[in-house]
């Protein structure tokens, strides 16, 4: 979503953020810890440079480059995504 800002003509604004890329069980450990501490929705999404997840690319378009350079195997690379609602 874009809007006018005092810092520039437009900025990208989202209610989601990709926290990072994790291997296997690390993603679930991080997600469980965050669910206890934060009042946000926490999702674990499998990522692959061969078949990019379009919903992740809408959150962070540069994520595909990060996935390509990540040091985790295609079968065990996961992104932890936080999202929240503003009322």
PDB file of N, CA and C in Angstrom:
ATOM      1  N   UNK A   1       0.848  -1.159   0.000  1.00  0.00           N
ATOM      2  CA  UNK A   1       0.000   0.000   0.000  1.00  0.00           C
ATOM      3  C   UNK A   1       0.901   1.231   0.000  1.00  0.00           C
ATOM      4  N   UNK A   2       0.508   2.253  -0.708  1.00  0.00           N
ATOM      5  CA  UNK A   2       1.299   3.473  -0.791  1.00  0.00           C
ATOM      6  C   UNK A   2       0.493   4.654  -0.263  1.00  0.00           C
ATOM      7  N   UNK A   3       1.185   5.606   0.346  1.00  0.00           N
ATOM      8  CA  UNK A   3       0.538   6.833   0.806  1.00  0.00           C
ATOM      9  C   UNK A   3       1.551   7.956   0.836  1.00  0.00           C
ATOM     10  N   UNK A   4       1.065   9.175   0.912  1.00  0.00           N
ATOM     11  CA  UNK A   4       1.954  10.336   0.988  1.00  0.00           C
ATOM     12  C   UNK A   4       2.544  10.433   2.384  1.00  0.00           C
ATOM     13  N   UNK A   5       3.771  10.903   2.451  1.00  0.00           N
ATOM     14  CA  UNK A   5       4.479  10.966   3.718  1.00  0.00           C
ATOM     15  C   UNK A   5       5.313  12.238   3.770  1.00  0.00           C
ATOM     16  N   UNK A   6       5.546  12.766   4.976  1.00  0.00           N
ATOM     17  CA  UNK A   6       6.421  13.940   5.084  1.00  0.00           C
ATOM     18  C   UNK A   6       7.871  13.634   4.697  1.00  0.00           C
ATOM     19  N   UNK A   7       8.236  12.344   4.689  1.00  0.00           N
ATOM     20  CA  UNK A   7       9.612  11.966   4.356  1.00  0.00           C
ATOM     21  C   UNK A   7       9.824  11.738   2.864  1.00  0.00           C
ATOM     22  N   UNK A   8       8.763  11.746   2.084  1.00  0.00           N
ATOM     23  CA  UNK A   8       8.902  11.525   0.655  1.00  0.00           C
ATOM     24  C   UNK A   8       7.540  11.555   0.002  1.00  0.00           C
ATOM     25  N   UNK A   9       7.537  11.396  -1.305  1.00  0.00           N
ATOM     26  CA  UNK A   9       6.267  11.466  -2.013  1.00  0.00           C
ATOM     27  C   UNK A   9       5.385  10.255  -1.703  1.00  0.00           C
ATOM     28  N   UNK A  10       5.974   9.043  -1.681  1.00  0.00           N
ATOM     29  CA  UNK A  10       5.217   7.838  -1.337  1.00  0.00           C
ATOM     30  C   UNK A  10       6.131   6.886  -0.581  1.00  0.00           C
ATOM     31  N   UNK A  11       5.545   6.067   0.261  1.00  0.00           N
ATOM     32  CA  UNK A  11       6.285   5.020   0.956  1.00  0.00           C
ATOM     33  C   UNK A  11       5.481   3.739   0.876  1.00  0.00           C
ATOM     34  N   UNK A  12       6.152   2.617   0.923  1.00  0.00           N
ATOM     35  CA  UNK A  12       5.457   1.338   0.957  1.00  0.00           C
ATOM     36  C   UNK A  12       5.099   1.049   2.404  1.00  0.00           C
ATOM     37  N   UNK A  13       3.850   0.769   2.636  1.00  0.00           N
ATOM     38  CA  UNK A  13       3.382   0.504   3.995  1.00  0.00           C
ATOM     39  C   UNK A  13       2.678  -0.844   4.003  1.00  0.00           C
ATOM     40  N   UNK A  14       3.021  -1.672   4.948  1.00  0.00           N
ATOM     41  CA  UNK A  14       2.435  -3.001   5.017  1.00  0.00           C
ATOM     42  C   UNK A  14       2.172  -3.353   6.468  1.00  0.00           C
ATOM     43  N   UNK A  15       1.212  -4.213   6.682  1.00  0.00           N
ATOM     44  CA  UNK A  15       0.938  -4.709   8.023  1.00  0.00           C
ATOM     45  C   UNK A  15       1.552  -6.086   8.213  1.00  0.00           C
ATOM     46  N   UNK A  16       2.535  -6.414   7.373  1.00  0.00           N
ATOM     47  CA  UNK A  16       3.251  -7.683   7.466  1.00  0.00           C
ATOM     48  C   UNK A  16       4.740  -7.426   7.366  1.00  0.00           C
ATOM     49  N   UNK A  17       5.499  -8.325   7.979  1.00  0.00           N
ATOM     50  CA  UNK A  17       6.951  -8.232   7.877  1.00  0.00           C
ATOM     51  C   UNK A  17       7.524  -9.646   7.885  1.00  0.00           C
ATOM     52  N   UNK A  18       8.541  -9.860   7.058  1.00  0.00           N
ATOM     53  CA  UNK A  18       9.260 -11.132   7.067  1.00  0.00           C
ATOM     54  C   UNK A  18      10.388 -10.971   8.079  1.00  0.00           C
ATOM     55  N   UNK A  19      10.312 -11.736   9.152  1.00  0.00           N
ATOM     56  CA  UNK A  19      11.301 -11.617  10.228  1.00  0.00           C
ATOM     57  C   UNK A  19      12.652 -12.156   9.794  1.00  0.00           C
ATOM     58  N   UNK A  20      12.654 -13.255   9.059  1.00  0.00           N
ATOM     59  CA  UNK A  20      13.912 -13.828   8.610  1.00  0.00           C
ATOM     60  C   UNK A  20      13.732 -15.209   8.039  1.00  0.00           C
ATOM     61  N   UNK A  21      14.841 -15.766   7.554  1.00  0.00           N
ATOM     62  CA  UNK A  21      14.860 -17.127   7.015  1.00  0.00           C
ATOM     63  C   UNK A  21      15.507 -18.044   8.039  1.00  0.00           C
ATOM     64  N   UNK A  22      14.923 -19.225   8.206  1.00  0.00           N
ATOM     65  CA  UNK A  22      15.400 -20.171   9.196  1.00  0.00           C
ATOM     66  C   UNK A  22      15.426 -21.563   8.615  1.00  0.00           C
ATOM     67  N   UNK A  23      16.274 -22.405   9.186  1.00  0.00           N
ATOM     68  CA  UNK A  23      16.355 -23.811   8.789  1.00  0.00           C
ATOM     69  C   UNK A  23      15.455 -24.644   9.691  1.00  0.00           C
ATOM     70  N   UNK A  24      14.749 -25.581   9.096  1.00  0.00           N
ATOM     71  CA  UNK A  24      13.976 -26.594   9.805  1.00  0.00           C
ATOM     72  C   UNK A  24      13.305 -26.176  11.088  1.00  0.00           C
ATOM     73  N   UNK A  25      13.711 -26.796  12.203  1.00  0.00           N
ATOM     74  CA  UNK A  25      13.074 -26.593  13.501  1.00  0.00           C
ATOM     75  C   UNK A  25      13.324 -25.211  14.094  1.00  0.00           C
ATOM     76  N   UNK A  26      14.336 -24.494  13.605  1.00  0.00           N
ATOM     77  CA  UNK A  26      14.596 -23.151  14.122  1.00  0.00           C
ATOM     78  C   UNK A  26      13.385 -22.248  13.913  1.00  0.00           C
ATOM     79  N   UNK A  27      12.713 -22.387  12.772  1.00  0.00           N
ATOM     80  CA  UNK A  27      11.556 -21.551  12.460  1.00  0.00           C
ATOM     81  C   UNK A  27      10.433 -21.773  13.460  1.00  0.00           C
ATOM     82  N   UNK A  28      10.160 -23.017  13.806  1.00  0.00           N
ATOM     83  CA  UNK A  28       9.074 -23.281  14.758  1.00  0.00           C
ATOM     84  C   UNK A  28       9.429 -22.803  16.163  1.00  0.00           C
ATOM     85  N   UNK A  29      10.693 -22.909  16.549  1.00  0.00           N
ATOM     86  CA  UNK A  29      11.113 -22.411  17.862  1.00  0.00           C
ATOM     87  C   UNK A  29      10.950 -20.893  17.948  1.00  0.00           C
ATOM     88  N   UNK A  30      11.370 -20.193  16.906  1.00  0.00           N
ATOM     89  CA  UNK A  30      11.240 -18.735  16.869  1.00  0.00           C
ATOM     90  C   UNK A  30       9.763 -18.340  16.880  1.00  0.00           C
ATOM     91  N   UNK A  31       8.946 -19.032  16.092  1.00  0.00           N
ATOM     92  CA  UNK A  31       7.518 -18.719  16.019  1.00  0.00           C
ATOM     93  C   UNK A  31       6.837 -18.916  17.367  1.00  0.00           C
ATOM     94  N   UNK A  32       7.146 -19.993  18.064  1.00  0.00           N
ATOM     95  CA  UNK A  32       6.537 -20.243  19.374  1.00  0.00           C
ATOM     96  C   UNK A  32       6.934 -19.168  20.386  1.00  0.00           C
ATOM     97  N   UNK A  33       8.188 -18.761  20.366  1.00  0.00           N
ATOM     98  CA  UNK A  33       8.652 -17.706  21.268  1.00  0.00           C
ATOM     99  C   UNK A  33       7.934 -16.393  20.976  1.00  0.00           C
ATOM    100  N   UNK A  34       7.799 -16.053  19.703  1.00  0.00           N
ATOM    101  CA  UNK A  34       7.140 -14.802  19.333  1.00  0.00           C
ATOM    102  C   UNK A  34       5.661 -14.810  19.683  1.00  0.00           C
ATOM    103  N   UNK A  35       5.003 -15.961  19.539  1.00  0.00           N
ATOM    104  CA  UNK A  35       3.580 -16.054  19.881  1.00  0.00           C
ATOM    105  C   UNK A  35       3.353 -15.781  21.362  1.00  0.00           C
ATOM    106  N   UNK A  36       4.321 -16.143  22.198  1.00  0.00           N
ATOM    107  CA  UNK A  36       4.206 -15.900  23.642  1.00  0.00           C
ATOM    108  C   UNK A  36       4.431 -14.434  23.986  1.00  0.00           C
ATOM    109  N   UNK A  37       5.270 -13.752  23.214  1.00  0.00           N
ATOM    110  CA  UNK A  37       5.702 -12.402  23.561  1.00  0.00           C
ATOM    111  C   UNK A  37       4.893 -11.309  22.841  1.00  0.00           C
ATOM    112  N   UNK A  38       4.544 -11.530  21.583  1.00  0.00           N
ATOM    113  CA  UNK A  38       3.909 -10.488  20.774  1.00  0.00           C
ATOM    114  C   UNK A  38       2.430 -10.760  20.536  1.00  0.00           C
ATOM    115  N   UNK A  39       1.676  -9.706  20.356  1.00  0.00           N
ATOM    116  CA  UNK A  39       0.254  -9.829  20.033  1.00  0.00           C
ATOM    117  C   UNK A  39       0.069  -9.699  18.525  1.00  0.00           C
ATOM    118  N   UNK A  40       0.729 -10.566  17.787  1.00  0.00           N
ATOM    119  CA  UNK A  40       0.637 -10.570  16.331  1.00  0.00           C
ATOM    120  C   UNK A  40       0.381 -11.985  15.847  1.00  0.00           C
ATOM    121  N   UNK A  41      -0.019 -12.086  14.595  1.00  0.00           N
ATOM    122  CA  UNK A  41      -0.159 -13.403  13.975  1.00  0.00           C
ATOM    123  C   UNK A  41       1.218 -13.813  13.463  1.00  0.00           C
ATOM    124  N   UNK A  42       1.623 -15.027  13.769  1.00  0.00           N
ATOM    125  CA  UNK A  42       2.933 -15.526  13.354  1.00  0.00           C
ATOM    126  C   UNK A  42       2.711 -16.729  12.438  1.00  0.00           C
ATOM    127  N   UNK A  43       3.281 -16.663  11.237  1.00  0.00           N
ATOM    128  CA  UNK A  43       3.159 -17.763  10.275  1.00  0.00           C
ATOM    129  C   UNK A  43       4.542 -18.245   9.873  1.00  0.00           C
ATOM    130  N   UNK A  44       4.611 -19.538   9.556  1.00  0.00           N
ATOM    131  CA  UNK A  44       5.828 -20.126   9.007  1.00  0.00           C
ATOM    132  C   UNK A  44       5.517 -20.512   7.570  1.00  0.00           C
ATOM    133  N   UNK A  45       6.315 -20.001   6.632  1.00  0.00           N
ATOM    134  CA  UNK A  45       6.072 -20.235   5.213  1.00  0.00           C
ATOM    135  C   UNK A  45       7.322 -20.858   4.601  1.00  0.00           C
ATOM    136  N   UNK A  46       7.150 -21.979   3.911  1.00  0.00           N
ATOM    137  CA  UNK A  46       8.268 -22.617   3.217  1.00  0.00           C
ATOM    138  C   UNK A  46       8.637 -21.766   2.006  1.00  0.00           C
ATOM    139  N   UNK A  47       9.927 -21.532   1.826  1.00  0.00           N
ATOM    140  CA  UNK A  47      10.376 -20.693   0.710  1.00  0.00           C
ATOM    141  C   UNK A  47      11.309 -21.474  -0.202  1.00  0.00           C
ATOM    142  N   UNK A  48      11.269 -21.099  -1.467  1.00  0.00           N
ATOM    143  CA  UNK A  48      12.118 -21.733  -2.465  1.00  0.00           C
ATOM    144  C   UNK A  48      12.402 -20.730  -3.572  1.00  0.00           C
ATOM    145  N   UNK A  49      13.629 -20.711  -4.064  1.00  0.00           N
ATOM    146  CA  UNK A  49      13.965 -19.806  -5.165  1.00  0.00           C
ATOM    147  C   UNK A  49      13.421 -20.335  -6.485  1.00  0.00           C
ATOM    148  N   UNK A  50      13.150 -21.638  -6.552  1.00  0.00           N
ATOM    149  CA  UNK A  50      12.608 -22.222  -7.785  1.00  0.00           C
ATOM    150  C   UNK A  50      11.143 -21.877  -7.987  1.00  0.00           C
ATOM    151  N   UNK A  51      10.369 -21.932  -6.901  1.00  0.00           N
ATOM    152  CA  UNK A  51       8.945 -21.602  -6.969  1.00  0.00           C
ATOM    153  C   UNK A  51       8.649 -20.560  -5.905  1.00  0.00           C
ATOM    154  N   UNK A  52       8.872 -19.277  -6.229  1.00  0.00           N
ATOM    155  CA  UNK A  52       8.694 -18.224  -5.230  1.00  0.00           C
ATOM    156  C   UNK A  52       7.239 -18.094  -4.774  1.00  0.00           C
ATOM    157  N   UNK A  53       7.058 -17.799  -3.500  1.00  0.00           N
ATOM    158  CA  UNK A  53       5.752 -17.596  -2.904  1.00  0.00           C
ATOM    159  C   UNK A  53       5.331 -16.151  -3.182  1.00  0.00           C
ATOM    160  N   UNK A  54       4.282 -15.977  -3.971  1.00  0.00           N
ATOM    161  CA  UNK A  54       3.859 -14.641  -4.392  1.00  0.00           C
ATOM    162  C   UNK A  54       3.438 -13.791  -3.195  1.00  0.00           C
ATOM    163  N   UNK A  55       2.799 -14.393  -2.203  1.00  0.00           N
ATOM    164  CA  UNK A  55       2.368 -13.607  -1.041  1.00  0.00           C
ATOM    165  C   UNK A  55       3.562 -13.051  -0.276  1.00  0.00           C
ATOM    166  N   UNK A  56       4.669 -13.791  -0.231  1.00  0.00           N
ATOM    167  CA  UNK A  56       5.874 -13.268   0.424  1.00  0.00           C
ATOM    168  C   UNK A  56       6.500 -12.140  -0.384  1.00  0.00           C
ATOM    169  N   UNK A  57       6.456 -12.258  -1.700  1.00  0.00           N
ATOM    170  CA  UNK A  57       7.056 -11.224  -2.549  1.00  0.00           C
ATOM    171  C   UNK A  57       6.280  -9.915  -2.475  1.00  0.00           C
ATOM    172  N   UNK A  58       4.991  -9.967  -2.142  1.00  0.00           N
ATOM    173  CA  UNK A  58       4.246  -8.720  -1.965  1.00  0.00           C
ATOM    174  C   UNK A  58       4.648  -8.034  -0.666  1.00  0.00           C
ATOM    175  N   UNK A  59       5.103  -8.799   0.319  1.00  0.00           N
ATOM    176  CA  UNK A  59       5.578  -8.221   1.577  1.00  0.00           C
ATOM    177  C   UNK A  59       6.967  -7.623   1.385  1.00  0.00           C
ATOM    178  N   UNK A  60       7.847  -8.365   0.715  1.00  0.00           N
ATOM    179  CA  UNK A  60       9.221  -7.915   0.491  1.00  0.00           C
ATOM    180  C   UNK A  60       9.688  -8.374  -0.885  1.00  0.00           C
ATOM    181  N   UNK A  61       9.650  -7.499  -1.894  1.00  0.00           N
ATOM    182  CA  UNK A  61      10.028  -7.894  -3.249  1.00  0.00           C
ATOM    183  C   UNK A  61      11.476  -8.374  -3.384  1.00  0.00           C
ATOM    184  N   UNK A  62      12.363  -7.937  -2.505  1.00  0.00           N
ATOM    185  CA  UNK A  62      13.764  -8.336  -2.575  1.00  0.00           C
ATOM    186  C   UNK A  62      14.018  -9.691  -1.931  1.00  0.00           C
ATOM    187  N   UNK A  63      13.007 -10.303  -1.357  1.00  0.00           N
ATOM    188  CA  UNK A  63      13.177 -11.558  -0.650  1.00  0.00           C
ATOM    189  C   UNK A  63      13.679 -12.682  -1.557  1.00  0.00           C
ATOM    190  N   UNK A  64      13.299 -12.680  -2.819  1.00  0.00           N
ATOM    191  CA  UNK A  64      13.742 -13.723  -3.747  1.00  0.00           C
ATOM    192  C   UNK A  64      15.258 -13.746  -3.859  1.00  0.00           C
ATOM    193  N   UNK A  65      15.893 -12.570  -3.903  1.00  0.00           N
ATOM    194  CA  UNK A  65      17.357 -12.512  -3.957  1.00  0.00           C
ATOM    195  C   UNK A  65      17.977 -13.058  -2.677  1.00  0.00           C
ATOM    196  N   UNK A  66      17.353 -12.760  -1.548  1.00  0.00           N
ATOM    197  CA  UNK A  66      17.859 -13.257  -0.267  1.00  0.00           C
ATOM    198  C   UNK A  66      17.769 -14.775  -0.216  1.00  0.00           C
ATOM    199  N   UNK A  67      16.659 -15.321  -0.688  1.00  0.00           N
ATOM    200  CA  UNK A  67      16.467 -16.782  -0.691  1.00  0.00           C
ATOM    201  C   UNK A  67      17.501 -17.449  -1.585  1.00  0.00           C
ATOM    202  N   UNK A  68      17.782 -16.857  -2.730  1.00  0.00           N
ATOM    203  CA  UNK A  68      18.770 -17.438  -3.644  1.00  0.00           C
ATOM    204  C   UNK A  68      20.157 -17.506  -3.011  1.00  0.00           C
ATOM    205  N   UNK A  69      20.483 -16.521  -2.163  1.00  0.00           N
ATOM    206  CA  UNK A  69      21.796 -16.469  -1.536  1.00  0.00           C
ATOM    207  C   UNK A  69      21.845 -17.111  -0.149  1.00  0.00           C
ATOM    208  N   UNK A  70      20.708 -17.622   0.326  1.00  0.00           N
ATOM    209  CA  UNK A  70      20.652 -18.209   1.669  1.00  0.00           C
ATOM    210  C   UNK A  70      21.456 -19.500   1.716  1.00  0.00           C
ATOM    211  N   UNK A  71      21.967 -19.806   2.895  1.00  0.00           N
ATOM    212  CA  UNK A  71      22.787 -20.995   3.061  1.00  0.00           C
ATOM    213  C   UNK A  71      21.976 -22.157   3.631  1.00  0.00           C
ATOM    214  N   UNK A  72      20.694 -22.238   3.275  1.00  0.00           N
ATOM    215  CA  UNK A  72      19.885 -23.371   3.714  1.00  0.00           C
ATOM    216  C   UNK A  72      19.403 -24.140   2.488  1.00  0.00           C
ATOM    217  N   UNK A  73      19.209 -25.414   2.664  1.00  0.00           N
ATOM    218  CA  UNK A  73      18.757 -26.264   1.562  1.00  0.00           C
ATOM    219  C   UNK A  73      17.353 -25.864   1.138  1.00  0.00           C
ATOM    220  N   UNK A  74      17.026 -26.134  -0.136  1.00  0.00           N
ATOM    221  CA  UNK A  74      15.700 -25.825  -0.659  1.00  0.00           C
ATOM    222  C   UNK A  74      14.608 -26.507   0.149  1.00  0.00           C
ATOM    223  N   UNK A  75      14.876 -27.704   0.673  1.00  0.00           N
ATOM    224  CA  UNK A  75      13.853 -28.468   1.366  1.00  0.00           C
ATOM    225  C   UNK A  75      13.597 -27.984   2.783  1.00  0.00           C
ATOM    226  N   UNK A  76      14.509 -27.219   3.360  1.00  0.00           N
ATOM    227  CA  UNK A  76      14.334 -26.858   4.762  1.00  0.00           C
ATOM    228  C   UNK A  76      14.476 -25.373   5.046  1.00  0.00           C
ATOM    229  N   UNK A  77      14.148 -24.530   4.108  1.00  0.00           N
ATOM    230  CA  UNK A  77      14.245 -23.091   4.297  1.00  0.00           C
ATOM    231  C   UNK A  77      12.840 -22.518   4.514  1.00  0.00           C
ATOM    232  N   UNK A  78      12.665 -21.817   5.651  1.00  0.00           N
ATOM    233  CA  UNK A  78      11.362 -21.283   6.025  1.00  0.00           C
ATOM    234  C   UNK A  78      11.482 -19.818   6.399  1.00  0.00           C
ATOM    235  N   UNK A  79      10.444 -19.058   6.096  1.00  0.00           N
ATOM    236  CA  UNK A  79      10.369 -17.659   6.502  1.00  0.00           C
ATOM    237  C   UNK A  79       9.361 -17.530   7.628  1.00  0.00           C
ATOM    238  N   UNK A  80       9.696 -16.726   8.624  1.00  0.00           N
ATOM    239  CA  UNK A  80       8.761 -16.414   9.699  1.00  0.00           C
ATOM    240  C   UNK A  80       8.162 -15.049   9.371  1.00  0.00           C
ATOM    241  N   UNK A  81       6.826 -15.008   9.248  1.00  0.00           N
ATOM    242  CA  UNK A  81       6.116 -13.806   8.851  1.00  0.00           C
ATOM    243  C   UNK A  81       5.222 -13.324   9.990  1.00  0.00           C
ATOM    244  N   UNK A  82       5.357 -12.057  10.347  1.00  0.00           N
ATOM    245  CA  UNK A  82       4.506 -11.453  11.371  1.00  0.00           C
ATOM    246  C   UNK A  82       3.498 -10.547  10.686  1.00  0.00           C
ATOM    247  N   UNK A  83       2.257 -10.604  11.129  1.00  0.00           N
ATOM    248  CA  UNK A  83       1.238  -9.698  10.589  1.00  0.00           C
ATOM    249  C   UNK A  83       0.325  -9.265  11.721  1.00  0.00           C
ATOM    250  N   UNK A  84      -0.218  -8.063  11.578  1.00  0.00           N
ATOM    251  CA  UNK A  84      -1.092  -7.520  12.620  1.00  0.00           C
ATOM    252  C   UNK A  84      -2.149  -6.642  11.984  1.00  0.00           C
ATOM    253  N   UNK A  85      -3.206  -6.430  12.730  1.00  0.00           N
ATOM    254  CA  UNK A  85      -4.316  -5.578  12.305  1.00  0.00           C
ATOM    255  C   UNK A  85      -4.314  -4.307  13.127  1.00  0.00           C
ATOM    256  N   UNK A  86      -4.552  -3.203  12.454  1.00  0.00           N
ATOM    257  CA  UNK A  86      -4.657  -1.922  13.150  1.00  0.00           C
ATOM    258  C   UNK A  86      -6.131  -1.511  13.098  1.00  0.00           C
ATOM    259  N   UNK A  87      -6.703  -1.296  14.262  1.00  0.00           N
ATOM    260  CA  UNK A  87      -8.122  -0.930  14.318  1.00  0.00           C
ATOM    261  C   UNK A  87      -8.295   0.489  14.778  1.00  0.00           C
TER     262      UNK A  87
END
